[in-house]
Amino acid sequence: MLKEIKIQNFAIIENLLVNFETGLNVLTGETGAGKSIIIDALNLLLGGRADTDSIRTGETTALVEGIFQISNEDTLAMVQEIGIESVDGELHIKRQISNSGKNRCFLNDSQITVSTLAKIGNRLVDLHGQHDHQTLLHPEIHVDLLDLFGKSKQSRDTFTKEFIEYQNQVKTLQSLDTDEKERLQREEFLGFQISEIDAANLSKEEEEEIKEEKNKLRHSEKIRSALQQSQTLLSEQSGSILESLRQILKDLEPLIEVDKELDSTFQRSQSAFYELEEVEDALRSHDRSLDFNPERLEEIEDRLAEINGLKRKYGNDVSEILTKRDQFAAELEQLAGNEENINKLAKEIEKKEKIVAKLAIELADMREIGAKALKQGVEKELKELHMNGVRFGVDFNYPPDPQGFVQYHREKLKPTSIGLGTLEFLFSPNPGEELRPLAKIASGGELSRIMLALKSILNKQDTIPVMIFDEVDTGIGGRIAEKVGAKLKKVAETKQVFCITHLPQIAGMASTHFRVEKNVQGKRTRAGIRQLEFAERVEELARMSSGEKITEASLQHARELISDH
């Protein structure tokens, strides 16, 4: 319930604080006194559009605050999900609008966005006013009302979940099918790249090895000349190193007997001789092995050119090329499994179609059964509101779809996220007239009473705790007004109801009666609201009955209206 509302500098309201009670709260007052301004302020509090023109003249900001007491677990869970705690289910909402454009919203002292406030506000208050406010004028909400009445909301939620999964599967399959040509082209290209790399038969060591061989071949003549020069110096020329060293050994050997200290020097010289002989043999052997082969050099040049070409395409070195080849192979394997994925997904879609079709048919059946009961319930309620001879109906429209997978009423249909086809409430205000769309034929007063009838029969299913009827009495009076008041009072047994009215028959039903007044102080107009005591209520109802000239008869009639309820 709405426990309290505080309004500052909003339109002609300077400073207003009012506490509300459970049951039927009625707001009365002369035309232009500010009754609708209070509703506008409450709408702002619930996430409605902020308009700086609503700020009181001469002020820079306007403030609306409200305190709600909430018991609905889903609403409290929504509040908790956005990280806001509520103590004992109390929600303190504050909305500030400023000429500077810095508008702010607070919930329990935590700042929130307007969109978040609107989502929460939709769960707190159900506001019904004239044509431009009434949800009955929008056929798209008729299915919501029917599902609420027919208790098919849970079935609809289950269907919607399965249908969305089905749609996602279809989109995935379409994407796979659309990409099939591109996939085949990619497979062919990857196969070519892998074959190109494999044909090169690369190894990580080969490049360095053939580079060394290339360098050796390119300098083979220089190497041979150096080898031969070394051999000449070591042994082949007169006075060569080995010849000279052999003579040194020959001269030293006899002296060892004379000078034992020369033995170490002799041994070292002998070792050097043998070592140089081995060096000379190695040089000779290497010289014989040298074979300058221009064909081998050309072969190496071609091989390096091949490797460099692959490096330009696939990586900076052979190791990167081989890594890239493994990546190509992995992608090719994945693409090769695409056809299998398509077949698997197609089978999953077939199964999902059966599930969706079954749920869609069950939901459609529930709605058609619910529509018959809703028709009877609304017509009964409307008769009690003295709308005799009216007829109410629900029109189901099922556009055929030859390619559809759901068959209902012997026709193939295409489901949407909310079920099969569409529906719209129909209305006939007079006997003999055909049923026509409610939005096109019902008057303002009729719409108000139809909404009241719907809310009466939806009272238990509807979880919104606060209902506001702004001038539900449009176009009615007398006994009809009494019936409307009685319906409002009945709805108020389980909900907190606010009603702005000009009719004493409705005001007399109130649990709590407020009068909205406008007065001029100095050169400024101010609107205020106050709760009326019994005597004041009698006077207010008498004024509403007879105008400014209140008679004893009108006062007595007002007492009777109050005492009867």
Protein backbone atom coordinates (compact mmCIF):
# COMPACT_ATOMS: atom_id res chain seq x y z
CA MET A 1 0.00 0.00 0.00
CA LEU A 2 0.93 3.65 -0.40
CA LYS A 3 1.41 4.92 3.14
CA GLU A 4 2.53 8.47 2.49
CA ILE A 5 3.22 10.95 -0.29
CA LYS A 6 5.11 14.22 -0.06
CA ILE A 7 5.08 16.80 -2.86
CA GLN A 8 7.13 19.99 -3.03
CA ASN A 9 7.07 22.72 -5.69
CA PHE A 10 5.14 20.63 -8.20
CA ALA A 11 2.73 22.64 -10.41
CA ILE A 12 0.53 24.63 -7.98
CA ILE A 13 1.47 22.43 -5.01
CA GLU A 14 3.97 24.21 -2.79
CA ASN A 15 4.32 21.75 0.07
CA LEU A 16 2.00 18.82 0.62
CA LEU A 17 2.23 15.81 2.93
CA VAL A 18 -0.57 13.28 3.22
CA ASN A 19 -0.93 9.84 4.81
CA PHE A 20 -3.20 7.23 3.26
CA GLU A 21 -5.08 4.24 4.62
CA THR A 22 -6.03 0.82 3.29
CA GLY A 23 -9.38 0.32 1.58
CA LEU A 24 -11.10 2.83 -0.71
CA ASN A 25 -9.49 6.28 -0.65
CA VAL A 26 -11.63 8.88 -2.43
CA LEU A 27 -10.35 12.27 -3.61
CA THR A 28 -12.91 14.98 -4.35
CA GLY A 29 -12.78 18.70 -4.99
CA GLU A 30 -13.88 21.32 -7.42
CA THR A 31 -12.73 21.18 -11.03
CA GLY A 32 -9.23 22.64 -11.29
CA ALA A 33 -8.51 22.22 -7.57
CA GLY A 34 -5.50 20.00 -8.28
CA LYS A 35 -6.78 16.42 -7.98
CA SER A 36 -5.17 15.30 -11.22
CA ILE A 37 -1.95 17.10 -10.26
CA ILE A 38 -1.59 14.74 -7.32
CA ILE A 39 -2.01 11.79 -9.70
CA ASP A 40 0.54 13.35 -12.07
CA ALA A 41 2.98 13.66 -9.17
CA LEU A 42 2.41 10.02 -8.24
CA ASN A 43 2.95 9.01 -11.87
CA LEU A 44 6.29 10.87 -11.78
CA LEU A 45 7.16 8.99 -8.60
CA LEU A 46 6.56 5.70 -10.41
CA GLY A 47 8.97 6.45 -13.27
CA GLY A 48 6.80 8.59 -15.53
CA ARG A 49 8.17 11.25 -17.87
CA ALA A 50 9.74 14.26 -16.13
CA ASP A 51 8.72 17.67 -17.46
CA THR A 52 10.45 20.80 -16.19
CA ASP A 53 7.21 22.71 -16.90
CA SER A 54 5.81 20.92 -13.85
CA ILE A 55 8.21 22.78 -11.56
CA ARG A 56 6.40 25.47 -9.59
CA THR A 57 6.91 28.98 -10.98
CA GLY A 58 9.89 30.67 -9.36
CA GLU A 59 11.44 27.41 -8.13
CA THR A 60 14.38 25.48 -9.56
CA THR A 61 13.50 21.95 -8.42
CA ALA A 62 10.45 19.84 -7.66
CA LEU A 63 10.43 16.85 -5.32
CA VAL A 64 8.03 13.94 -4.95
CA GLU A 65 8.48 11.29 -2.26
CA GLY A 66 6.43 8.25 -1.41
CA ILE A 67 6.55 5.43 1.12
CA PHE A 68 5.13 2.04 0.13
CA GLN A 69 4.56 -0.98 2.32
CA ILE A 70 5.09 -4.10 0.19
CA SER A 71 4.46 -7.77 0.96
CA ASN A 72 4.74 -9.31 -2.54
CA GLU A 73 7.82 -11.53 -2.60
CA ASP A 74 8.51 -11.08 -6.33
CA THR A 75 8.58 -7.28 -5.96
CA LEU A 76 10.88 -7.47 -2.95
CA ALA A 77 13.12 -9.91 -4.84
CA MET A 78 13.36 -7.44 -7.75
CA VAL A 79 14.45 -4.73 -5.31
CA GLN A 80 17.02 -7.05 -3.76
CA GLU A 81 18.39 -8.02 -7.20
CA ILE A 82 19.44 -4.42 -7.83
CA GLY A 83 21.33 -4.42 -4.53
CA ILE A 84 18.88 -2.47 -2.37
CA GLU A 85 17.70 -3.67 1.03
CA SER A 86 14.23 -3.03 2.40
CA VAL A 87 13.41 -3.15 6.09
CA ASP A 88 10.10 -4.87 6.82
CA GLY A 89 9.07 -4.47 3.17
CA GLU A 90 9.12 -0.66 3.22
CA LEU A 91 10.16 1.18 0.05
CA HIS A 92 10.99 4.89 0.17
CA ILE A 93 10.98 6.36 -3.34
CA LYS A 94 12.16 9.87 -4.12
CA ARG A 95 12.14 11.66 -7.50
CA GLN A 96 13.66 15.08 -8.04
CA ILE A 97 13.40 17.11 -11.24
CA SER A 98 15.45 20.23 -11.87
CA ASN A 99 15.50 23.10 -14.35
CA SER A 100 19.17 22.26 -14.93
CA GLY A 101 18.20 18.85 -16.25
CA LYS A 102 19.86 17.00 -13.35
CA ASN A 103 16.96 14.70 -12.48
CA ARG A 104 17.55 12.03 -9.86
CA CYS A 105 15.73 8.95 -8.54
CA PHE A 106 16.30 7.28 -5.20
CA LEU A 107 15.06 4.02 -3.71
CA ASN A 108 15.71 3.62 0.02
CA ASP A 109 18.37 6.36 -0.28
CA SER A 110 20.20 4.54 -3.12
CA GLN A 111 20.28 6.29 -6.49
CA ILE A 112 18.67 4.32 -9.35
CA THR A 113 17.86 4.93 -13.01
CA VAL A 114 14.44 6.05 -14.27
CA SER A 115 14.04 2.78 -16.20
CA THR A 116 14.64 0.78 -13.01
CA LEU A 117 12.17 2.98 -11.15
CA ALA A 118 9.56 2.41 -13.89
CA LYS A 119 9.98 -1.38 -13.67
CA ILE A 120 9.43 -1.29 -9.92
CA GLY A 121 6.63 1.26 -10.25
CA ASN A 122 4.72 -1.03 -12.61
CA ARG A 123 4.61 -3.57 -9.78
CA LEU A 124 3.42 -1.07 -7.18
CA VAL A 125 0.55 0.85 -8.76
CA ASP A 126 -2.03 0.17 -11.48
CA LEU A 127 -3.29 3.54 -12.73
CA HIS A 128 -6.44 3.87 -14.86
CA GLY A 129 -7.64 7.17 -16.22
CA GLN A 130 -9.20 8.60 -19.34
CA HIS A 131 -8.65 7.39 -22.92
CA ASP A 132 -5.00 8.28 -23.19
CA HIS A 133 -4.14 6.40 -20.00
CA GLN A 134 -6.25 3.28 -20.31
CA THR A 135 -4.45 0.11 -21.21
CA LEU A 136 -7.66 -1.39 -22.58
CA LEU A 137 -7.16 0.70 -25.70
CA HIS A 138 -4.04 -1.31 -26.55
CA PRO A 139 -4.93 -4.77 -27.95
CA GLU A 140 -1.43 -6.06 -27.23
CA ILE A 141 -2.21 -6.12 -23.48
CA HIS A 142 -5.46 -8.06 -23.94
CA VAL A 143 -3.53 -11.32 -24.12
CA ASP A 144 -1.87 -10.46 -20.80
CA LEU A 145 -5.25 -9.90 -19.14
CA LEU A 146 -6.63 -13.14 -20.58
CA ASP A 147 -3.59 -15.15 -19.45
CA LEU A 148 -3.93 -13.61 -16.00
CA PHE A 149 -7.61 -14.50 -15.81
CA GLY A 150 -7.30 -17.97 -17.37
CA LYS A 151 -4.25 -18.85 -15.27
CA SER A 152 -2.32 -19.60 -18.44
CA LYS A 153 0.56 -17.24 -17.63
CA GLN A 154 2.81 -20.06 -16.40
CA SER A 155 2.08 -22.11 -19.53
CA ARG A 156 2.84 -19.06 -21.64
CA ASP A 157 6.17 -18.50 -19.86
CA THR A 158 7.14 -22.14 -20.47
CA PHE A 159 6.14 -21.87 -24.13
CA THR A 160 8.06 -18.59 -24.58
CA LYS A 161 11.22 -20.12 -23.13
CA GLU A 162 11.06 -23.11 -25.48
CA PHE A 163 10.14 -20.92 -28.47
CA ILE A 164 13.09 -18.58 -27.93
CA GLU A 165 15.41 -21.59 -27.73
CA TYR A 166 13.87 -22.86 -30.99
CA GLN A 167 14.40 -19.48 -32.67
CA ASN A 168 18.05 -19.42 -31.59
CA GLN A 169 18.56 -22.91 -33.00
CA VAL A 170 16.98 -21.91 -36.33
CA LYS A 171 19.19 -18.79 -36.52
CA THR A 172 22.27 -20.92 -35.87
CA LEU A 173 21.26 -23.40 -38.58
CA GLN A 174 20.57 -20.60 -41.06
CA SER A 175 23.96 -19.13 -40.31
CA LEU A 176 25.63 -22.49 -40.89
CA ASP A 177 23.74 -23.00 -44.15
CA THR A 178 24.49 -19.49 -45.37
CA ASP A 179 28.19 -20.03 -44.68
CA GLU A 180 28.33 -23.42 -46.43
CA LYS A 181 29.76 -22.06 -49.70
CA GLU A 182 32.25 -19.97 -47.80
CA ARG A 183 33.11 -23.03 -45.69
CA LEU A 184 33.85 -25.14 -48.76
CA GLN A 185 36.07 -22.39 -50.17
CA ARG A 186 37.89 -22.15 -46.87
CA GLU A 187 38.37 -25.92 -46.71
CA GLU A 188 39.87 -25.90 -50.22
CA PHE A 189 42.22 -23.05 -49.34
CA LEU A 190 43.34 -24.65 -46.08
CA GLY A 191 43.97 -27.94 -47.90
CA PHE A 192 46.15 -26.12 -50.43
CA GLN A 193 48.17 -24.40 -47.69
CA ILE A 194 48.71 -27.63 -45.78
CA SER A 195 49.75 -29.46 -48.96
CA GLU A 196 52.16 -26.66 -49.85
CA ILE A 197 53.85 -26.84 -46.45
CA ASP A 198 53.88 -30.64 -46.35
CA ALA A 199 55.38 -30.82 -49.86
CA ALA A 200 58.34 -28.76 -48.65
CA ASN A 201 59.17 -31.48 -46.08
CA LEU A 202 60.63 -28.92 -43.68
CA SER A 203 62.68 -29.59 -40.56
CA LYS A 204 63.76 -27.08 -37.96
CA GLU A 205 67.53 -27.94 -38.38
CA GLU A 206 67.69 -28.06 -42.16
CA GLU A 207 67.86 -24.34 -42.87
CA GLU A 208 70.99 -23.76 -40.76
CA GLU A 209 72.65 -26.88 -42.13
CA ILE A 210 72.21 -25.95 -45.79
CA LYS A 211 73.20 -22.35 -45.09
CA GLU A 212 76.51 -23.66 -43.74
CA GLU A 213 76.90 -25.96 -46.72
CA LYS A 214 76.14 -23.10 -49.09
CA ASN A 215 78.77 -20.92 -47.44
CA LYS A 216 81.30 -23.75 -47.67
CA LEU A 217 80.62 -24.35 -51.35
CA ARG A 218 80.84 -20.69 -52.20
CA HIS A 219 84.31 -20.47 -50.57
CA SER A 220 85.63 -23.93 -51.58
CA GLU A 221 88.49 -22.57 -53.78
CA LYS A 222 89.69 -20.28 -51.05
CA ILE A 223 89.57 -23.16 -48.57
CA ARG A 224 91.50 -25.48 -50.92
CA SER A 225 94.20 -22.85 -51.53
CA ALA A 226 94.64 -22.37 -47.80
CA LEU A 227 94.79 -26.13 -47.21
CA GLN A 228 97.39 -26.64 -49.87
CA GLN A 229 99.48 -23.74 -48.61
CA SER A 230 99.33 -25.20 -45.13
CA GLN A 231 100.40 -28.64 -46.40
CA THR A 232 103.32 -27.05 -48.25
CA LEU A 233 104.48 -25.23 -45.14
CA LEU A 234 104.11 -28.32 -42.99
CA SER A 235 105.83 -30.95 -45.17
CA GLU A 236 106.10 -30.43 -48.89
CA GLN A 237 108.71 -27.72 -49.31
CA SER A 238 112.38 -27.82 -48.47
CA GLY A 239 112.86 -26.72 -44.88
CA SER A 240 109.22 -27.42 -44.04
CA ILE A 241 107.98 -27.29 -40.48
CA LEU A 242 107.90 -31.07 -40.03
CA GLU A 243 111.33 -31.45 -41.65
CA SER A 244 112.77 -28.81 -39.33
CA LEU A 245 111.08 -30.33 -36.29
CA ARG A 246 112.36 -33.81 -37.25
CA GLN A 247 115.90 -32.36 -37.32
CA ILE A 248 115.39 -30.79 -33.90
CA LEU A 249 114.40 -34.16 -32.45
CA LYS A 250 117.39 -35.81 -34.08
CA ASP A 251 119.72 -33.20 -32.52
CA LEU A 252 118.17 -33.34 -29.03
CA GLU A 253 117.84 -37.11 -28.61
CA PRO A 254 121.64 -37.87 -28.04
CA LEU A 255 121.91 -34.99 -25.56
CA ILE A 256 119.42 -36.51 -23.13
CA GLU A 257 122.08 -38.92 -21.86
CA VAL A 258 124.32 -35.93 -21.10
CA ASP A 259 121.60 -33.53 -19.74
CA LYS A 260 118.54 -35.23 -18.18
CA GLU A 261 116.68 -31.90 -17.98
CA LEU A 262 116.37 -31.90 -21.79
CA ASP A 263 114.19 -35.04 -21.64
CA SER A 264 111.04 -33.05 -20.90
CA THR A 265 111.75 -30.66 -23.77
CA PHE A 266 112.42 -33.58 -26.10
CA GLN A 267 109.15 -35.29 -25.15
CA ARG A 268 107.15 -32.11 -25.79
CA SER A 269 108.88 -31.57 -29.14
CA GLN A 270 108.18 -35.19 -30.11
CA SER A 271 104.50 -34.74 -29.16
CA ALA A 272 104.36 -31.58 -31.23
CA PHE A 273 105.85 -33.44 -34.19
CA TYR A 274 103.31 -36.23 -33.97
CA GLU A 275 100.47 -33.70 -33.53
CA LEU A 276 101.60 -31.75 -36.59
CA GLU A 277 101.79 -34.98 -38.58
CA GLU A 278 98.16 -35.64 -37.67
CA VAL A 279 97.29 -32.07 -38.61
CA GLU A 280 99.04 -32.54 -41.93
CA ASP A 281 97.10 -35.79 -42.54
CA ALA A 282 93.81 -34.08 -41.65
CA LEU A 283 94.53 -31.20 -44.00
CA ARG A 284 95.39 -33.56 -46.79
CA SER A 285 92.29 -35.66 -46.17
CA HIS A 286 90.06 -32.58 -46.06
CA ASP A 287 91.66 -31.30 -49.24
CA ARG A 288 90.88 -34.55 -51.01
CA SER A 289 87.26 -34.36 -49.77
CA LEU A 290 86.69 -30.95 -51.20
CA ASP A 291 84.65 -31.06 -54.36
CA PHE A 292 83.24 -27.77 -55.71
CA ASN A 293 79.86 -28.73 -57.18
CA PRO A 294 78.01 -25.86 -58.92
CA GLU A 295 74.90 -28.05 -59.26
CA ARG A 296 74.79 -28.65 -55.51
CA LEU A 297 75.16 -24.92 -54.87
CA GLU A 298 72.28 -24.19 -57.24
CA GLU A 299 70.22 -26.89 -55.54
CA ILE A 300 70.85 -25.27 -52.16
CA GLU A 301 69.96 -21.83 -53.53
CA ASP A 302 66.65 -23.21 -54.83
CA ARG A 303 65.90 -24.89 -51.50
CA LEU A 304 66.56 -21.70 -49.53
CA ALA A 305 64.39 -19.73 -51.97
CA GLU A 306 61.58 -22.24 -51.35
CA ILE A 307 61.94 -21.90 -47.57
CA ASN A 308 62.02 -18.09 -47.78
CA GLY A 309 58.88 -18.13 -49.92
CA LEU A 310 57.07 -20.15 -47.27
CA LYS A 311 58.35 -17.82 -44.56
CA ARG A 312 56.88 -14.82 -46.39
CA LYS A 313 53.47 -16.59 -46.38
CA TYR A 314 53.36 -18.37 -43.07
CA GLY A 315 55.95 -17.18 -40.54
CA ASN A 316 59.34 -15.74 -39.69
CA ASP A 317 61.08 -19.10 -39.43
CA VAL A 318 60.55 -22.79 -40.08
CA SER A 319 59.27 -23.33 -36.55
CA GLU A 320 56.48 -20.75 -37.09
CA ILE A 321 55.61 -22.29 -40.48
CA LEU A 322 55.16 -25.73 -38.91
CA THR A 323 53.05 -24.24 -36.09
CA LYS A 324 50.87 -22.50 -38.67
CA ARG A 325 50.47 -25.78 -40.52
CA ASP A 326 49.12 -27.43 -37.34
CA GLN A 327 46.65 -24.53 -36.92
CA PHE A 328 45.44 -24.98 -40.51
CA ALA A 329 44.94 -28.69 -39.90
CA ALA A 330 42.94 -28.05 -36.69
CA GLU A 331 40.68 -25.55 -38.46
CA LEU A 332 40.20 -27.91 -41.38
CA GLU A 333 39.17 -30.68 -39.00
CA GLN A 334 36.68 -28.36 -37.34
CA LEU A 335 35.21 -27.30 -40.68
CA ALA A 336 35.02 -30.89 -41.81
CA GLY A 337 32.73 -31.56 -38.85
CA ASN A 338 30.41 -28.73 -39.85
CA GLU A 339 28.17 -30.93 -41.97
CA GLU A 340 27.81 -33.28 -39.03
CA ASN A 341 26.91 -30.30 -36.81
CA ILE A 342 24.28 -29.18 -39.33
CA ASN A 343 22.65 -32.61 -39.38
CA LYS A 344 22.75 -32.84 -35.60
CA LEU A 345 21.24 -29.36 -35.18
CA ALA A 346 18.53 -30.10 -37.76
CA LYS A 347 17.47 -33.15 -35.72
CA GLU A 348 17.45 -31.06 -32.53
CA ILE A 349 15.23 -28.49 -34.25
CA GLU A 350 12.79 -31.22 -35.29
CA LYS A 351 12.51 -32.32 -31.66
CA LYS A 352 12.12 -28.72 -30.49
CA GLU A 353 9.36 -28.10 -33.06
CA LYS A 354 7.36 -30.95 -31.57
CA ILE A 355 7.79 -29.50 -28.07
CA VAL A 356 6.88 -25.97 -29.19
CA ALA A 357 3.87 -27.22 -31.17
CA LYS A 358 2.55 -29.20 -28.20
CA LEU A 359 2.95 -26.24 -25.83
CA ALA A 360 1.43 -23.80 -28.37
CA ILE A 361 -1.67 -25.95 -28.80
CA GLU A 362 -2.06 -26.40 -25.03
CA LEU A 363 -1.74 -22.63 -24.52
CA ALA A 364 -4.22 -21.85 -27.31
CA ASP A 365 -6.73 -24.30 -25.82
CA MET A 366 -6.35 -22.73 -22.38
CA ARG A 367 -6.90 -19.28 -23.85
CA GLU A 368 -10.03 -20.23 -25.76
CA ILE A 369 -11.48 -21.87 -22.65
CA GLY A 370 -10.43 -18.83 -20.59
CA ALA A 371 -12.00 -16.49 -23.14
CA LYS A 372 -15.42 -18.10 -22.72
CA ALA A 373 -15.22 -17.78 -18.94
CA LEU A 374 -13.93 -14.20 -19.23
CA LYS A 375 -16.82 -13.26 -21.51
CA GLN A 376 -19.34 -14.60 -19.01
CA GLY A 377 -17.59 -12.95 -16.06
CA VAL A 378 -17.24 -9.52 -17.67
CA GLU A 379 -20.84 -9.49 -18.96
CA LYS A 380 -22.05 -10.45 -15.47
CA GLU A 381 -20.03 -7.67 -13.87
CA LEU A 382 -21.20 -5.14 -16.48
CA LYS A 383 -24.85 -6.05 -15.90
CA GLU A 384 -24.31 -5.36 -12.22
CA LEU A 385 -23.02 -1.96 -13.34
CA HIS A 386 -26.33 -1.41 -15.19
CA MET A 387 -24.80 -2.03 -18.59
CA ASN A 388 -27.66 -4.30 -19.63
CA GLY A 389 -27.69 -5.66 -23.15
CA VAL A 390 -23.95 -5.20 -23.65
CA ARG A 391 -21.90 -8.03 -25.05
CA PHE A 392 -18.22 -8.74 -24.51
CA GLY A 393 -16.08 -11.14 -26.47
CA VAL A 394 -12.56 -12.20 -27.38
CA ASP A 395 -11.62 -12.42 -31.06
CA PHE A 396 -8.85 -14.86 -31.95
CA ASN A 397 -6.98 -14.29 -35.18
CA TYR A 398 -4.92 -17.21 -36.48
CA PRO A 399 -3.13 -16.23 -39.73
CA PRO A 400 -2.40 -19.40 -41.74
CA ASP A 401 1.15 -20.41 -42.61
CA PRO A 402 1.42 -23.28 -45.14
CA GLN A 403 5.04 -23.80 -44.07
CA GLY A 404 4.20 -23.79 -40.37
CA PHE A 405 4.86 -26.76 -38.12
CA VAL A 406 1.94 -26.17 -35.70
CA GLN A 407 -1.48 -27.42 -36.75
CA TYR A 408 -4.45 -25.95 -34.90
CA HIS A 409 -8.10 -25.98 -35.97
CA ARG A 410 -6.98 -27.99 -39.01
CA GLU A 411 -4.69 -25.24 -40.26
CA LYS A 412 -0.94 -24.84 -40.16
CA LEU A 413 0.00 -21.74 -38.19
CA LYS A 414 3.15 -19.82 -37.40
CA PRO A 415 3.78 -19.34 -33.67
CA THR A 416 5.15 -16.14 -32.11
CA SER A 417 6.91 -15.64 -28.80
CA ILE A 418 3.55 -15.34 -26.98
CA GLY A 419 1.70 -18.20 -28.66
CA LEU A 420 -0.49 -18.74 -31.71
CA GLY A 421 -1.97 -15.76 -33.53
CA THR A 422 -3.32 -12.65 -31.83
CA LEU A 423 -6.40 -11.77 -29.86
CA GLU A 424 -8.44 -8.64 -29.17
CA PHE A 425 -11.33 -7.79 -26.87
CA LEU A 426 -14.60 -7.02 -28.64
CA PHE A 427 -17.55 -5.01 -27.35
CA SER A 428 -21.16 -4.30 -28.31
CA PRO A 429 -22.74 -1.52 -26.19
CA ASN A 430 -26.29 -2.01 -27.48
CA PRO A 431 -28.50 -5.01 -28.28
CA GLY A 432 -28.53 -5.89 -31.96
CA GLU A 433 -25.14 -4.32 -32.70
CA GLU A 434 -22.30 -6.56 -33.79
CA LEU A 435 -19.20 -7.05 -31.69
CA ARG A 436 -16.43 -4.65 -32.65
CA PRO A 437 -12.93 -3.93 -31.34
CA LEU A 438 -13.16 -2.48 -27.86
CA ALA A 439 -10.68 0.28 -28.63
CA LYS A 440 -12.80 1.58 -31.53
CA ILE A 441 -16.31 1.55 -30.09
CA ALA A 442 -16.34 1.98 -26.29
CA SER A 443 -16.80 5.43 -24.76
CA GLY A 444 -14.69 6.77 -21.90
CA GLY A 445 -17.26 5.86 -19.29
CA GLU A 446 -17.79 2.41 -20.78
CA LEU A 447 -14.04 1.77 -20.84
CA SER A 448 -13.78 2.76 -17.19
CA ARG A 449 -16.54 0.37 -16.22
CA ILE A 450 -15.14 -2.44 -18.38
CA MET A 451 -11.77 -1.99 -16.70
CA LEU A 452 -13.47 -1.97 -13.32
CA ALA A 453 -15.31 -5.17 -14.26
CA LEU A 454 -12.05 -6.80 -15.37
CA LYS A 455 -10.26 -5.71 -12.22
CA SER A 456 -13.12 -7.06 -10.13
CA ILE A 457 -12.83 -10.55 -11.58
CA LEU A 458 -9.01 -10.39 -11.75
CA ASN A 459 -8.73 -9.14 -8.21
CA LYS A 460 -7.23 -12.31 -6.76
CA GLN A 461 -4.82 -13.02 -9.63
CA ASP A 462 -3.54 -9.43 -9.94
CA THR A 463 -0.56 -8.91 -7.61
CA ILE A 464 -0.33 -5.11 -7.97
CA PRO A 465 -1.30 -3.79 -4.50
CA VAL A 466 -2.44 -0.26 -5.37
CA MET A 467 -5.06 0.75 -7.94
CA ILE A 468 -5.91 4.29 -9.00
CA PHE A 469 -9.06 5.19 -10.94
CA ASP A 470 -8.90 8.73 -12.25
CA GLU A 471 -12.49 9.87 -12.94
CA VAL A 472 -13.97 6.39 -13.37
CA ASP A 473 -17.37 8.10 -13.16
CA THR A 474 -17.13 9.71 -16.61
CA GLY A 475 -20.49 9.60 -18.36
CA ILE A 476 -22.41 7.88 -15.55
CA GLY A 477 -24.67 8.84 -12.65
CA GLY A 478 -27.55 7.74 -10.41
CA ARG A 479 -27.90 4.03 -9.79
CA ILE A 480 -24.97 3.22 -12.10
CA ALA A 481 -22.75 5.41 -9.93
CA GLU A 482 -23.85 3.45 -6.86
CA LYS A 483 -22.96 0.18 -8.58
CA VAL A 484 -19.56 1.55 -9.61
CA GLY A 485 -18.92 2.64 -6.04
CA ALA A 486 -19.92 -0.78 -4.73
CA LYS A 487 -17.50 -2.45 -7.17
CA LEU A 488 -14.69 -0.13 -6.12
CA LYS A 489 -15.40 -0.91 -2.48
CA LYS A 490 -15.34 -4.65 -3.24
CA VAL A 491 -11.98 -4.38 -5.02
CA ALA A 492 -10.72 -2.34 -2.05
CA GLU A 493 -11.30 -5.30 0.24
CA THR A 494 -8.06 -6.84 -1.02
CA LYS A 495 -6.28 -3.82 -2.52
CA GLN A 496 -5.69 -0.19 -1.70
CA VAL A 497 -7.85 1.77 -4.13
CA PHE A 498 -7.70 5.48 -4.95
CA CYS A 499 -10.56 7.08 -6.84
CA ILE A 500 -10.95 10.64 -8.07
CA THR A 501 -14.66 11.30 -8.47
CA HIS A 502 -17.28 14.00 -8.86
CA LEU A 503 -20.15 11.77 -7.82
CA PRO A 504 -21.46 11.67 -4.24
CA GLN A 505 -22.71 8.10 -4.71
CA ILE A 506 -19.09 6.92 -5.17
CA ALA A 507 -17.58 9.26 -2.58
CA GLY A 508 -20.07 7.95 -0.02
CA MET A 509 -18.51 4.48 -0.32
CA ALA A 510 -15.07 5.70 0.80
CA SER A 511 -13.17 4.22 3.70
CA THR A 512 -11.18 7.46 3.77
CA HIS A 513 -12.27 10.70 2.10
CA PHE A 514 -9.86 13.46 1.04
CA ARG A 515 -10.76 16.88 -0.31
CA VAL A 516 -8.36 18.66 -2.66
CA GLU A 517 -8.59 22.44 -2.33
CA LYS A 518 -7.08 25.40 -4.12
CA ASN A 519 -6.62 28.79 -2.52
CA VAL A 520 -4.88 32.06 -3.30
CA GLN A 521 -2.52 33.58 -0.74
CA GLY A 522 -1.12 36.93 -1.76
CA LYS A 523 -0.58 36.58 -5.48
CA ARG A 524 0.23 32.83 -5.44
CA THR A 525 -2.13 29.89 -5.98
CA ARG A 526 -1.62 26.86 -3.78
CA ALA A 527 -3.25 23.43 -3.81
CA GLY A 528 -3.66 21.33 -0.69
CA ILE A 529 -5.34 18.15 0.48
CA ARG A 530 -6.89 17.14 3.79
CA GLN A 531 -8.71 14.17 5.21
CA LEU A 532 -12.33 14.86 6.04
CA GLU A 533 -14.09 14.03 9.29
CA PHE A 534 -17.69 12.78 9.26
CA ALA A 535 -19.31 16.23 9.38
CA GLU A 536 -17.00 17.53 6.69
CA ARG A 537 -17.76 14.51 4.54
CA VAL A 538 -21.48 15.17 4.86
CA GLU A 539 -20.98 18.75 3.76
CA GLU A 540 -18.72 17.73 0.85
CA LEU A 541 -21.21 15.14 -0.43
CA ALA A 542 -24.03 17.68 -0.10
CA ARG A 543 -22.01 20.17 -2.14
CA MET A 544 -21.34 17.51 -4.76
CA SER A 545 -25.11 16.77 -4.93
CA SER A 546 -26.59 20.28 -4.98
CA GLY A 547 -23.73 22.64 -5.83
CA GLU A 548 -22.68 25.64 -3.78
CA LYS A 549 -26.18 26.10 -2.27
CA ILE A 550 -26.37 23.36 0.33
CA THR A 551 -29.85 22.49 1.63
CA GLU A 552 -30.95 20.42 4.58
CA ALA A 553 -32.31 17.86 2.13
CA SER A 554 -28.92 17.53 0.46
CA LEU A 555 -27.22 17.21 3.86
CA GLN A 556 -29.67 14.47 4.89
CA HIS A 557 -29.09 12.68 1.59
CA ALA A 558 -25.32 12.89 2.17
CA ARG A 559 -25.72 11.37 5.67
CA GLU A 560 -27.73 8.54 4.19
CA LEU A 561 -25.10 7.89 1.51
CA ILE A 562 -22.39 7.58 4.16
CA SER A 563 -24.42 5.62 6.70
CA ASP A 564 -25.56 3.11 4.11
CA HIS A 565 -21.95 2.06 3.64
